[in-house]
Amino acid sequence: MKAVIDINRVKIVVTIPPSHLEAVQTAVFEAGAGVIGNYSCCSTVVKSIGTFKPENDAEPYIGTVGNYETVEEIKLEFVCDITIVKEVLAAMRNAHPYEEPAIDLIPLLGGPPK
């Protein structure tokens, strides 16, 4: 017998410049993410260091084309019901200043969404 795994929620992880943390949090929370049981606006915020090198066709928010960059960033993590992932990602991208934000989508195994 084949096992069935239901994925009802995901964890979304994205790196953001510190100046845009509040805007991105507001956007994803207003889109319905960050709900755990009877709590809303749930997230984890971790300071991090990001590295990148904008190539010739890039339009970087931070840094200069052709230069290797090291910048302070915030890693924002929050949960999201699978039914609204596309809307949450669209809201997040709209509030995010980066041309190509790094986004992780991690499936969460377990019970129904709360």
PDB file of N, CA and C in Angstrom:
ATOM      1  N   MET A   1       0.836  -1.172   0.000  1.00  0.00           N
ATOM      2  CA  MET A   1       0.000   0.000   0.000  1.00  0.00           C
ATOM      3  C   MET A   1       0.889   1.247   0.000  1.00  0.00           C
ATOM      4  N   LYS A   2       0.552   2.200  -0.836  1.00  0.00           N
ATOM      5  CA  LYS A   2       1.318   3.427  -0.968  1.00  0.00           C
ATOM      6  C   LYS A   2       0.891   4.439   0.104  1.00  0.00           C
ATOM      7  N   ALA A   3       1.870   5.034   0.786  1.00  0.00           N
ATOM      8  CA  ALA A   3       1.585   6.039   1.814  1.00  0.00           C
ATOM      9  C   ALA A   3       1.186   7.352   1.154  1.00  0.00           C
ATOM     10  N   VAL A   4       0.225   8.014   1.763  1.00  0.00           N
ATOM     11  CA  VAL A   4      -0.224   9.314   1.273  1.00  0.00           C
ATOM     12  C   VAL A   4       0.208  10.377   2.276  1.00  0.00           C
ATOM     13  N   ILE A   5       0.842  11.386   1.781  1.00  0.00           N
ATOM     14  CA  ILE A   5       1.281  12.482   2.649  1.00  0.00           C
ATOM     15  C   ILE A   5       0.531  13.739   2.227  1.00  0.00           C
ATOM     16  N   ASP A   6      -0.195  14.289   3.170  1.00  0.00           N
ATOM     17  CA  ASP A   6      -0.903  15.537   2.903  1.00  0.00           C
ATOM     18  C   ASP A   6      -0.048  16.704   3.364  1.00  0.00           C
ATOM     19  N   ILE A   7       0.117  17.651   2.479  1.00  0.00           N
ATOM     20  CA  ILE A   7       0.841  18.874   2.819  1.00  0.00           C
ATOM     21  C   ILE A   7      -0.200  19.992   2.848  1.00  0.00           C
ATOM     22  N   ASN A   8      -0.492  20.473   4.048  1.00  0.00           N
ATOM     23  CA  ASN A   8      -1.486  21.529   4.204  1.00  0.00           C
ATOM     24  C   ASN A   8      -0.866  22.905   4.434  1.00  0.00           C
ATOM     25  N   ARG A   9       0.379  22.876   4.894  1.00  0.00           N
ATOM     26  CA  ARG A   9       1.057  24.144   5.179  1.00  0.00           C
ATOM     27  C   ARG A   9       2.503  24.056   4.740  1.00  0.00           C
ATOM     28  N   VAL A  10       3.104  25.228   4.545  1.00  0.00           N
ATOM     29  CA  VAL A  10       4.524  25.329   4.226  1.00  0.00           C
ATOM     30  C   VAL A  10       5.152  26.370   5.133  1.00  0.00           C
ATOM     31  N   LYS A  11       6.467  26.279   5.271  1.00  0.00           N
ATOM     32  CA  LYS A  11       7.227  27.354   5.910  1.00  0.00           C
ATOM     33  C   LYS A  11       7.900  28.101   4.767  1.00  0.00           C
ATOM     34  N   ILE A  12       7.800  29.400   4.793  1.00  0.00           N
ATOM     35  CA  ILE A  12       8.448  30.251   3.796  1.00  0.00           C
ATOM     36  C   ILE A  12       9.592  30.984   4.495  1.00  0.00           C
ATOM     37  N   VAL A  13      10.760  30.953   3.863  1.00  0.00           N
ATOM     38  CA  VAL A  13      11.944  31.628   4.387  1.00  0.00           C
ATOM     39  C   VAL A  13      12.454  32.558   3.297  1.00  0.00           C
ATOM     40  N   VAL A  14      12.704  33.803   3.657  1.00  0.00           N
ATOM     41  CA  VAL A  14      13.192  34.785   2.684  1.00  0.00           C
ATOM     42  C   VAL A  14      14.189  35.714   3.370  1.00  0.00           C
ATOM     43  N   THR A  15      15.216  36.137   2.624  1.00  0.00           N
ATOM     44  CA  THR A  15      16.160  37.113   3.164  1.00  0.00           C
ATOM     45  C   THR A  15      15.781  38.501   2.652  1.00  0.00           C
ATOM     46  N   ILE A  16      15.953  39.488   3.545  1.00  0.00           N
ATOM     47  CA  ILE A  16      15.479  40.854   3.302  1.00  0.00           C
ATOM     48  C   ILE A  16      16.507  41.831   3.864  1.00  0.00           C
ATOM     49  N   PRO A  17      16.687  42.986   3.222  1.00  0.00           N
ATOM     50  CA  PRO A  17      17.504  44.006   3.897  1.00  0.00           C
ATOM     51  C   PRO A  17      16.739  44.481   5.142  1.00  0.00           C
ATOM     52  N   PRO A  18      17.434  44.778   6.232  1.00  0.00           N
ATOM     53  CA  PRO A  18      16.759  45.188   7.468  1.00  0.00           C
ATOM     54  C   PRO A  18      15.770  46.335   7.277  1.00  0.00           C
ATOM     55  N   SER A  19      16.045  47.224   6.349  1.00  0.00           N
ATOM     56  CA  SER A  19      15.173  48.375   6.115  1.00  0.00           C
ATOM     57  C   SER A  19      13.780  47.989   5.619  1.00  0.00           C
ATOM     58  N   HIS A  20      13.607  46.772   5.093  1.00  0.00           N
ATOM     59  CA  HIS A  20      12.326  46.361   4.517  1.00  0.00           C
ATOM     60  C   HIS A  20      11.622  45.254   5.298  1.00  0.00           C
ATOM     61  N   LEU A  21      12.129  44.917   6.477  1.00  0.00           N
ATOM     62  CA  LEU A  21      11.516  43.855   7.267  1.00  0.00           C
ATOM     63  C   LEU A  21      10.043  44.134   7.551  1.00  0.00           C
ATOM     64  N   GLU A  22       9.741  45.299   8.084  1.00  0.00           N
ATOM     65  CA  GLU A  22       8.358  45.612   8.460  1.00  0.00           C
ATOM     66  C   GLU A  22       7.426  45.581   7.252  1.00  0.00           C
ATOM     67  N   ALA A  23       7.863  46.106   6.127  1.00  0.00           N
ATOM     68  CA  ALA A  23       7.013  46.128   4.925  1.00  0.00           C
ATOM     69  C   ALA A  23       6.701  44.719   4.434  1.00  0.00           C
ATOM     70  N   VAL A  24       7.712  43.845   4.439  1.00  0.00           N
ATOM     71  CA  VAL A  24       7.496  42.469   3.969  1.00  0.00           C
ATOM     72  C   VAL A  24       6.633  41.708   4.971  1.00  0.00           C
ATOM     73  N   GLN A  25       6.902  41.858   6.272  1.00  0.00           N
ATOM     74  CA  GLN A  25       6.064  41.206   7.270  1.00  0.00           C
ATOM     75  C   GLN A  25       4.611  41.642   7.129  1.00  0.00           C
ATOM     76  N   THR A  26       4.375  42.928   7.011  1.00  0.00           N
ATOM     77  CA  THR A  26       3.017  43.437   6.870  1.00  0.00           C
ATOM     78  C   THR A  26       2.339  42.841   5.647  1.00  0.00           C
ATOM     79  N   ALA A  27       3.043  42.780   4.535  1.00  0.00           N
ATOM     80  CA  ALA A  27       2.475  42.246   3.297  1.00  0.00           C
ATOM     81  C   ALA A  27       2.066  40.785   3.440  1.00  0.00           C
ATOM     82  N   VAL A  28       2.942  39.950   4.010  1.00  0.00           N
ATOM     83  CA  VAL A  28       2.614  38.524   4.113  1.00  0.00           C
ATOM     84  C   VAL A  28       1.536  38.268   5.163  1.00  0.00           C
ATOM     85  N   PHE A  29       1.560  39.030   6.250  1.00  0.00           N
ATOM     86  CA  PHE A  29       0.529  38.861   7.272  1.00  0.00           C
ATOM     87  C   PHE A  29      -0.838  39.304   6.740  1.00  0.00           C
ATOM     88  N   GLU A  30      -0.873  40.403   6.006  1.00  0.00           N
ATOM     89  CA  GLU A  30      -2.150  40.861   5.430  1.00  0.00           C
ATOM     90  C   GLU A  30      -2.669  39.888   4.377  1.00  0.00           C
ATOM     91  N   ALA A  31      -1.761  39.131   3.745  1.00  0.00           N
ATOM     92  CA  ALA A  31      -2.162  38.126   2.755  1.00  0.00           C
ATOM     93  C   ALA A  31      -2.620  36.825   3.423  1.00  0.00           C
ATOM     94  N   GLY A  32      -2.488  36.726   4.753  1.00  0.00           N
ATOM     95  CA  GLY A  32      -2.998  35.570   5.479  1.00  0.00           C
ATOM     96  C   GLY A  32      -1.959  34.615   6.028  1.00  0.00           C
ATOM     97  N   ALA A  33      -0.684  34.883   5.841  1.00  0.00           N
ATOM     98  CA  ALA A  33       0.366  34.004   6.358  1.00  0.00           C
ATOM     99  C   ALA A  33       0.648  34.324   7.828  1.00  0.00           C
ATOM    100  N   GLY A  34       1.404  33.437   8.473  1.00  0.00           N
ATOM    101  CA  GLY A  34       1.827  33.675   9.848  1.00  0.00           C
ATOM    102  C   GLY A  34       0.802  33.307  10.898  1.00  0.00           C
ATOM    103  N   VAL A  35      -0.149  32.439  10.549  1.00  0.00           N
ATOM    104  CA  VAL A  35      -1.174  32.021  11.505  1.00  0.00           C
ATOM    105  C   VAL A  35      -0.818  30.636  12.045  1.00  0.00           C
ATOM    106  N   ILE A  36      -0.734  30.543  13.371  1.00  0.00           N
ATOM    107  CA  ILE A  36      -0.503  29.271  14.053  1.00  0.00           C
ATOM    108  C   ILE A  36      -1.554  29.156  15.149  1.00  0.00           C
ATOM    109  N   GLY A  37      -2.508  28.253  14.942  1.00  0.00           N
ATOM    110  CA  GLY A  37      -3.582  28.091  15.922  1.00  0.00           C
ATOM    111  C   GLY A  37      -4.339  29.394  16.114  1.00  0.00           C
ATOM    112  N   ASN A  38      -4.409  29.855  17.347  1.00  0.00           N
ATOM    113  CA  ASN A  38      -5.131  31.089  17.673  1.00  0.00           C
ATOM    114  C   ASN A  38      -4.234  32.321  17.673  1.00  0.00           C
ATOM    115  N   TYR A  39      -3.089  32.225  17.003  1.00  0.00           N
ATOM    116  CA  TYR A  39      -2.136  33.335  16.951  1.00  0.00           C
ATOM    117  C   TYR A  39      -1.932  33.771  15.510  1.00  0.00           C
ATOM    118  N   SER A  40      -1.844  35.063  15.302  1.00  0.00           N
ATOM    119  CA  SER A  40      -1.557  35.597  13.966  1.00  0.00           C
ATOM    120  C   SER A  40      -0.250  36.385  14.018  1.00  0.00           C
ATOM    121  N   CYS A  41       0.244  36.764  12.865  1.00  0.00           N
ATOM    122  CA  CYS A  41       1.482  37.545  12.747  1.00  0.00           C
ATOM    123  C   CYS A  41       2.682  36.827  13.368  1.00  0.00           C
ATOM    124  N   CYS A  42       2.702  35.500  13.256  1.00  0.00           N
ATOM    125  CA  CYS A  42       3.809  34.705  13.809  1.00  0.00           C
ATOM    126  C   CYS A  42       4.948  34.630  12.800  1.00  0.00           C
ATOM    127  N   SER A  43       6.153  34.895  13.264  1.00  0.00           N
ATOM    128  CA  SER A  43       7.328  34.770  12.409  1.00  0.00           C
ATOM    129  C   SER A  43       8.569  34.636  13.274  1.00  0.00           C
ATOM    130  N   THR A  44       9.657  34.257  12.629  1.00  0.00           N
ATOM    131  CA  THR A  44      10.971  34.246  13.258  1.00  0.00           C
ATOM    132  C   THR A  44      11.869  35.150  12.430  1.00  0.00           C
ATOM    133  N   VAL A  45      12.652  35.962  13.102  1.00  0.00           N
ATOM    134  CA  VAL A  45      13.550  36.898  12.440  1.00  0.00           C
ATOM    135  C   VAL A  45      14.966  36.611  12.930  1.00  0.00           C
ATOM    136  N   VAL A  46      15.881  36.380  11.981  1.00  0.00           N
ATOM    137  CA  VAL A  46      17.258  36.050  12.317  1.00  0.00           C
ATOM    138  C   VAL A  46      18.190  36.946  11.499  1.00  0.00           C
ATOM    139  N   LYS A  47      19.173  37.547  12.165  1.00  0.00           N
ATOM    140  CA  LYS A  47      20.175  38.328  11.441  1.00  0.00           C
ATOM    141  C   LYS A  47      21.066  37.369  10.661  1.00  0.00           C
ATOM    142  N   SER A  48      21.428  37.753   9.435  1.00  0.00           N
ATOM    143  CA  SER A  48      22.293  36.900   8.625  1.00  0.00           C
ATOM    144  C   SER A  48      23.194  37.764   7.746  1.00  0.00           C
ATOM    145  N   ILE A  49      24.129  37.119   7.099  1.00  0.00           N
ATOM    146  CA  ILE A  49      25.018  37.773   6.143  1.00  0.00           C
ATOM    147  C   ILE A  49      24.770  37.142   4.782  1.00  0.00           C
ATOM    148  N   GLY A  50      24.477  37.956   3.788  1.00  0.00           N
ATOM    149  CA  GLY A  50      24.255  37.458   2.440  1.00  0.00           C
ATOM    150  C   GLY A  50      25.414  37.841   1.537  1.00  0.00           C
ATOM    151  N   THR A  51      25.669  37.003   0.544  1.00  0.00           N
ATOM    152  CA  THR A  51      26.708  37.304  -0.446  1.00  0.00           C
ATOM    153  C   THR A  51      26.130  37.135  -1.838  1.00  0.00           C
ATOM    154  N   PHE A  52      26.626  37.927  -2.783  1.00  0.00           N
ATOM    155  CA  PHE A  52      26.160  37.844  -4.166  1.00  0.00           C
ATOM    156  C   PHE A  52      27.074  38.673  -5.050  1.00  0.00           C
ATOM    157  N   LYS A  53      26.989  38.415  -6.341  1.00  0.00           N
ATOM    158  CA  LYS A  53      27.721  39.204  -7.328  1.00  0.00           C
ATOM    159  C   LYS A  53      26.746  39.505  -8.469  1.00  0.00           C
ATOM    160  N   PRO A  54      26.298  40.750  -8.599  1.00  0.00           N
ATOM    161  CA  PRO A  54      25.393  41.104  -9.693  1.00  0.00           C
ATOM    162  C   PRO A  54      26.108  40.980 -11.046  1.00  0.00           C
ATOM    163  N   GLU A  55      25.508  40.222 -11.935  1.00  0.00           N
ATOM    164  CA  GLU A  55      26.083  40.045 -13.270  1.00  0.00           C
ATOM    165  C   GLU A  55      25.629  41.192 -14.191  1.00  0.00           C
ATOM    166  N   ASN A  56      26.091  41.213 -15.425  1.00  0.00           N
ATOM    167  CA  ASN A  56      25.918  42.348 -16.339  1.00  0.00           C
ATOM    168  C   ASN A  56      24.484  42.837 -16.509  1.00  0.00           C
ATOM    169  N   ASP A  57      23.504  41.944 -16.588  1.00  0.00           N
ATOM    170  CA  ASP A  57      22.121  42.368 -16.817  1.00  0.00           C
ATOM    171  C   ASP A  57      21.338  42.621 -15.534  1.00  0.00           C
ATOM    172  N   ALA A  58      21.989  42.521 -14.391  1.00  0.00           N
ATOM    173  CA  ALA A  58      21.322  42.715 -13.104  1.00  0.00           C
ATOM    174  C   ALA A  58      21.061  44.195 -12.841  1.00  0.00           C
ATOM    175  N   GLU A  59      20.030  44.442 -12.054  1.00  0.00           N
ATOM    176  CA  GLU A  59      19.708  45.786 -11.560  1.00  0.00           C
ATOM    177  C   GLU A  59      19.623  45.686 -10.040  1.00  0.00           C
ATOM    178  N   PRO A  60      20.767  45.616  -9.362  1.00  0.00           N
ATOM    179  CA  PRO A  60      20.766  45.340  -7.925  1.00  0.00           C
ATOM    180  C   PRO A  60      20.217  46.487  -7.080  1.00  0.00           C
ATOM    181  N   TYR A  61      19.463  46.108  -6.045  1.00  0.00           N
ATOM    182  CA  TYR A  61      18.985  47.073  -5.059  1.00  0.00           C
ATOM    183  C   TYR A  61      20.153  47.550  -4.205  1.00  0.00           C
ATOM    184  N   ILE A  62      21.036  46.613  -3.883  1.00  0.00           N
ATOM    185  CA  ILE A  62      22.240  46.890  -3.102  1.00  0.00           C
ATOM    186  C   ILE A  62      23.429  46.399  -3.922  1.00  0.00           C
ATOM    187  N   GLY A  63      24.508  47.117  -3.904  1.00  0.00           N
ATOM    188  CA  GLY A  63      25.723  46.655  -4.557  1.00  0.00           C
ATOM    189  C   GLY A  63      25.891  47.195  -5.970  1.00  0.00           C
ATOM    190  N   THR A  64      26.963  46.735  -6.618  1.00  0.00           N
ATOM    191  CA  THR A  64      27.344  47.219  -7.941  1.00  0.00           C
ATOM    192  C   THR A  64      27.567  46.038  -8.874  1.00  0.00           C
ATOM    193  N   VAL A  65      27.095  46.174 -10.102  1.00  0.00           N
ATOM    194  CA  VAL A  65      27.287  45.129 -11.105  1.00  0.00           C
ATOM    195  C   VAL A  65      28.772  44.781 -11.205  1.00  0.00           C
ATOM    196  N   GLY A  66      29.057  43.478 -11.189  1.00  0.00           N
ATOM    197  CA  GLY A  66      30.433  43.001 -11.329  1.00  0.00           C
ATOM    198  C   GLY A  66      31.200  42.878 -10.033  1.00  0.00           C
ATOM    199  N   ASN A  67      30.686  43.415  -8.927  1.00  0.00           N
ATOM    200  CA  ASN A  67      31.391  43.353  -7.646  1.00  0.00           C
ATOM    201  C   ASN A  67      30.783  42.299  -6.728  1.00  0.00           C
ATOM    202  N   TYR A  68      31.632  41.494  -6.096  1.00  0.00           N
ATOM    203  CA  TYR A  68      31.201  40.552  -5.077  1.00  0.00           C
ATOM    204  C   TYR A  68      30.797  41.356  -3.852  1.00  0.00           C
ATOM    205  N   GLU A  69      29.617  41.105  -3.319  1.00  0.00           N
ATOM    206  CA  GLU A  69      29.078  41.895  -2.211  1.00  0.00           C
ATOM    207  C   GLU A  69      28.815  41.013  -0.996  1.00  0.00           C
ATOM    208  N   THR A  70      29.007  41.570   0.176  1.00  0.00           N
ATOM    209  CA  THR A  70      28.640  40.947   1.447  1.00  0.00           C
ATOM    210  C   THR A  70      27.790  41.963   2.196  1.00  0.00           C
ATOM    211  N   VAL A  71      26.547  41.575   2.531  1.00  0.00           N
ATOM    212  CA  VAL A  71      25.629  42.528   3.162  1.00  0.00           C
ATOM    213  C   VAL A  71      24.917  41.894   4.356  1.00  0.00           C
ATOM    214  N   GLU A  72      24.570  42.744   5.324  1.00  0.00           N
ATOM    215  CA  GLU A  72      23.739  42.295   6.442  1.00  0.00           C
ATOM    216  C   GLU A  72      22.310  42.152   5.932  1.00  0.00           C
ATOM    217  N   GLU A  73      21.684  41.052   6.308  1.00  0.00           N
ATOM    218  CA  GLU A  73      20.303  40.803   5.920  1.00  0.00           C
ATOM    219  C   GLU A  73      19.538  40.256   7.115  1.00  0.00           C
ATOM    220  N   ILE A  74      18.237  40.170   6.933  1.00  0.00           N
ATOM    221  CA  ILE A  74      17.349  39.536   7.891  1.00  0.00           C
ATOM    222  C   ILE A  74      16.760  38.312   7.204  1.00  0.00           C
ATOM    223  N   LYS A  75      16.758  37.189   7.909  1.00  0.00           N
ATOM    224  CA  LYS A  75      16.078  35.997   7.411  1.00  0.00           C
ATOM    225  C   LYS A  75      14.720  35.952   8.110  1.00  0.00           C
ATOM    226  N   LEU A  76      13.650  36.050   7.329  1.00  0.00           N
ATOM    227  CA  LEU A  76      12.285  36.022   7.849  1.00  0.00           C
ATOM    228  C   LEU A  76      11.684  34.661   7.555  1.00  0.00           C
ATOM    229  N   GLU A  77      11.138  34.005   8.584  1.00  0.00           N
ATOM    230  CA  GLU A  77      10.503  32.699   8.443  1.00  0.00           C
ATOM    231  C   GLU A  77       9.081  32.783   8.980  1.00  0.00           C
ATOM    232  N   PHE A  78       8.136  32.168   8.254  1.00  0.00           N
ATOM    233  CA  PHE A  78       6.742  32.143   8.696  1.00  0.00           C
ATOM    234  C   PHE A  78       6.021  30.986   8.025  1.00  0.00           C
ATOM    235  N   VAL A  79       4.901  30.575   8.609  1.00  0.00           N
ATOM    236  CA  VAL A  79       4.116  29.486   8.033  1.00  0.00           C
ATOM    237  C   VAL A  79       2.992  30.055   7.184  1.00  0.00           C
ATOM    238  N   CYS A  80       2.491  29.182   6.295  1.00  0.00           N
ATOM    239  CA  CYS A  80       1.455  29.624   5.364  1.00  0.00           C
ATOM    240  C   CYS A  80       0.609  28.414   4.958  1.00  0.00           C
ATOM    241  N   ASP A  81      -0.703  28.563   4.942  1.00  0.00           N
ATOM    242  CA  ASP A  81      -1.576  27.508   4.426  1.00  0.00           C
ATOM    243  C   ASP A  81      -1.312  27.335   2.938  1.00  0.00           C
ATOM    244  N   ILE A  82      -1.296  26.107   2.489  1.00  0.00           N
ATOM    245  CA  ILE A  82      -0.987  25.798   1.091  1.00  0.00           C
ATOM    246  C   ILE A  82      -1.976  26.462   0.127  1.00  0.00           C
ATOM    247  N   THR A  83      -3.203  26.690   0.596  1.00  0.00           N
ATOM    248  CA  THR A  83      -4.242  27.259  -0.268  1.00  0.00           C
ATOM    249  C   THR A  83      -3.993  28.712  -0.646  1.00  0.00           C
ATOM    250  N   ILE A  84      -3.116  29.394   0.099  1.00  0.00           N
ATOM    251  CA  ILE A  84      -2.870  30.816  -0.191  1.00  0.00           C
ATOM    252  C   ILE A  84      -1.412  31.117  -0.526  1.00  0.00           C
ATOM    253  N   VAL A  85      -0.629  30.083  -0.799  1.00  0.00           N
ATOM    254  CA  VAL A  85       0.807  30.278  -1.054  1.00  0.00           C
ATOM    255  C   VAL A  85       1.053  31.248  -2.199  1.00  0.00           C
ATOM    256  N   LYS A  86       0.358  31.092  -3.309  1.00  0.00           N
ATOM    257  CA  LYS A  86       0.603  31.971  -4.470  1.00  0.00           C
ATOM    258  C   LYS A  86       0.316  33.426  -4.133  1.00  0.00           C
ATOM    259  N   GLU A  87      -0.754  33.681  -3.406  1.00  0.00           N
ATOM    260  CA  GLU A  87      -1.094  35.064  -3.030  1.00  0.00           C
ATOM    261  C   GLU A  87      -0.066  35.644  -2.067  1.00  0.00           C
ATOM    262  N   VAL A  88       0.385  34.830  -1.120  1.00  0.00           N
ATOM    263  CA  VAL A  88       1.379  35.288  -0.148  1.00  0.00           C
ATOM    264  C   VAL A  88       2.705  35.583  -0.842  1.00  0.00           C
ATOM    265  N   LEU A  89       3.132  34.689  -1.742  1.00  0.00           N
ATOM    266  CA  LEU A  89       4.382  34.928  -2.468  1.00  0.00           C
ATOM    267  C   LEU A  89       4.287  36.187  -3.330  1.00  0.00           C
ATOM    268  N   ALA A  90       3.149  36.423  -3.958  1.00  0.00           N
ATOM    269  CA  ALA A  90       2.963  37.631  -4.772  1.00  0.00           C
ATOM    270  C   ALA A  90       3.043  38.878  -3.896  1.00  0.00           C
ATOM    271  N   ALA A  91       2.394  38.857  -2.740  1.00  0.00           N
ATOM    272  CA  ALA A  91       2.434  40.002  -1.819  1.00  0.00           C
ATOM    273  C   ALA A  91       3.851  40.239  -1.315  1.00  0.00           C
ATOM    274  N   MET A  92       4.562  39.137  -1.010  1.00  0.00           N
ATOM    275  CA  MET A  92       5.933  39.254  -0.523  1.00  0.00           C
ATOM    276  C   MET A  92       6.839  39.852  -1.589  1.00  0.00           C
ATOM    277  N   ARG A  93       6.740  39.349  -2.805  1.00  0.00           N
ATOM    278  CA  ARG A  93       7.572  39.878  -3.896  1.00  0.00           C
ATOM    279  C   ARG A  93       7.270  41.354  -4.172  1.00  0.00           C
ATOM    280  N   ASN A  94       6.019  41.728  -4.045  1.00  0.00           N
ATOM    281  CA  ASN A  94       5.626  43.120  -4.281  1.00  0.00           C
ATOM    282  C   ASN A  94       6.235  44.062  -3.243  1.00  0.00           C
ATOM    283  N   ALA A  95       6.383  43.597  -2.006  1.00  0.00           N
ATOM    284  CA  ALA A  95       6.935  44.430  -0.930  1.00  0.00           C
ATOM    285  C   ALA A  95       8.459  44.331  -0.832  1.00  0.00           C
ATOM    286  N   HIS A  96       9.043  43.336  -1.474  1.00  0.00           N
ATOM    287  CA  HIS A  96      10.476  43.061  -1.363  1.00  0.00           C
ATOM    288  C   HIS A  96      11.254  43.920  -2.359  1.00  0.00           C
ATOM    289  N   PRO A  97      12.355  44.544  -1.927  1.00  0.00           N
ATOM    290  CA  PRO A  97      13.096  45.414  -2.842  1.00  0.00           C
ATOM    291  C   PRO A  97      14.038  44.692  -3.813  1.00  0.00           C
ATOM    292  N   TYR A  98      14.392  43.438  -3.528  1.00  0.00           N
ATOM    293  CA  TYR A  98      15.366  42.746  -4.366  1.00  0.00           C
ATOM    294  C   TYR A  98      14.763  42.337  -5.703  1.00  0.00           C
ATOM    295  N   GLU A  99      15.582  42.415  -6.733  1.00  0.00           N
ATOM    296  CA  GLU A  99      15.204  41.968  -8.070  1.00  0.00           C
ATOM    297  C   GLU A  99      14.935  40.461  -8.072  1.00  0.00           C
ATOM    298  N   GLU A 100      15.757  39.705  -7.360  1.00  0.00           N
ATOM    299  CA  GLU A 100      15.651  38.239  -7.282  1.00  0.00           C
ATOM    300  C   GLU A 100      15.776  37.799  -5.823  1.00  0.00           C
ATOM    301  N   PRO A 101      14.704  37.914  -5.019  1.00  0.00           N
ATOM    302  CA  PRO A 101      14.828  37.477  -3.626  1.00  0.00           C
ATOM    303  C   PRO A 101      15.029  35.965  -3.528  1.00  0.00           C
ATOM    304  N   ALA A 102      15.846  35.544  -2.568  1.00  0.00           N
ATOM    305  CA  ALA A 102      16.044  34.122  -2.292  1.00  0.00           C
ATOM    306  C   ALA A 102      14.894  33.651  -1.410  1.00  0.00           C
ATOM    307  N   ILE A 103      14.098  32.708  -1.908  1.00  0.00           N
ATOM    308  CA  ILE A 103      12.912  32.236  -1.198  1.00  0.00           C
ATOM    309  C   ILE A 103      12.982  30.723  -1.063  1.00  0.00           C
ATOM    310  N   ASP A 104      12.834  30.217   0.165  1.00  0.00           N
ATOM    311  CA  ASP A 104      12.726  28.786   0.422  1.00  0.00           C
ATOM    312  C   ASP A 104      11.274  28.472   0.744  1.00  0.00           C
ATOM    313  N   LEU A 105      10.765  27.396   0.171  1.00  0.00           N
ATOM    314  CA  LEU A 105       9.417  26.900   0.449  1.00  0.00           C
ATOM    315  C   LEU A 105       9.578  25.486   0.997  1.00  0.00           C
ATOM    316  N   ILE A 106       9.261  25.288   2.283  1.00  0.00           N
ATOM    317  CA  ILE A 106       9.484  24.018   2.949  1.00  0.00           C
ATOM    318  C   ILE A 106       8.145  23.388   3.307  1.00  0.00           C
ATOM    319  N   PRO A 107       7.846  22.203   2.768  1.00  0.00           N
ATOM    320  CA  PRO A 107       6.574  21.557   3.109  1.00  0.00           C
ATOM    321  C   PRO A 107       6.562  21.131   4.571  1.00  0.00           C
ATOM    322  N   LEU A 108       5.428  21.333   5.235  1.00  0.00           N
ATOM    323  CA  LEU A 108       5.273  20.929   6.631  1.00  0.00           C
ATOM    324  C   LEU A 108       4.326  19.745   6.696  1.00  0.00           C
ATOM    325  N   LEU A 109       4.776  18.668   7.310  1.00  0.00           N
ATOM    326  CA  LEU A 109       3.951  17.484   7.464  1.00  0.00           C
ATOM    327  C   LEU A 109       3.175  17.598   8.761  1.00  0.00           C
ATOM    328  N   GLY A 110       1.964  17.134   8.761  1.00  0.00           N
ATOM    329  CA  GLY A 110       1.202  17.185   9.996  1.00  0.00           C
ATOM    330  C   GLY A 110      -0.279  17.330   9.730  1.00  0.00           C
ATOM    331  N   GLY A 111      -0.974  17.791  10.734  1.00  0.00           N
ATOM    332  CA  GLY A 111      -2.424  17.889  10.694  1.00  0.00           C
ATOM    333  C   GLY A 111      -2.934  19.006   9.807  1.00  0.00           C
ATOM    334  N   PRO A 112      -4.217  19.221   9.901  1.00  0.00           N
ATOM    335  CA  PRO A 112      -4.860  20.253   9.071  1.00  0.00           C
ATOM    336  C   PRO A 112      -4.402  21.647   9.451  1.00  0.00           C
ATOM    337  N   PRO A 113      -4.557  22.603   8.540  1.00  0.00           N
ATOM    338  CA  PRO A 113      -4.176  23.985   8.873  1.00  0.00           C
ATOM    339  C   PRO A 113      -5.049  24.511   9.995  1.00  0.00           C
ATOM    340  N   LYS A 114      -4.478  25.405  10.778  1.00  0.00           N
ATOM    341  CA  LYS A 114      -5.204  26.034  11.887  1.00  0.00           C
ATOM    342  C   LYS A 114      -5.567  27.440  11.556  1.00  0.00           C
TER     343      LYS A 114
END
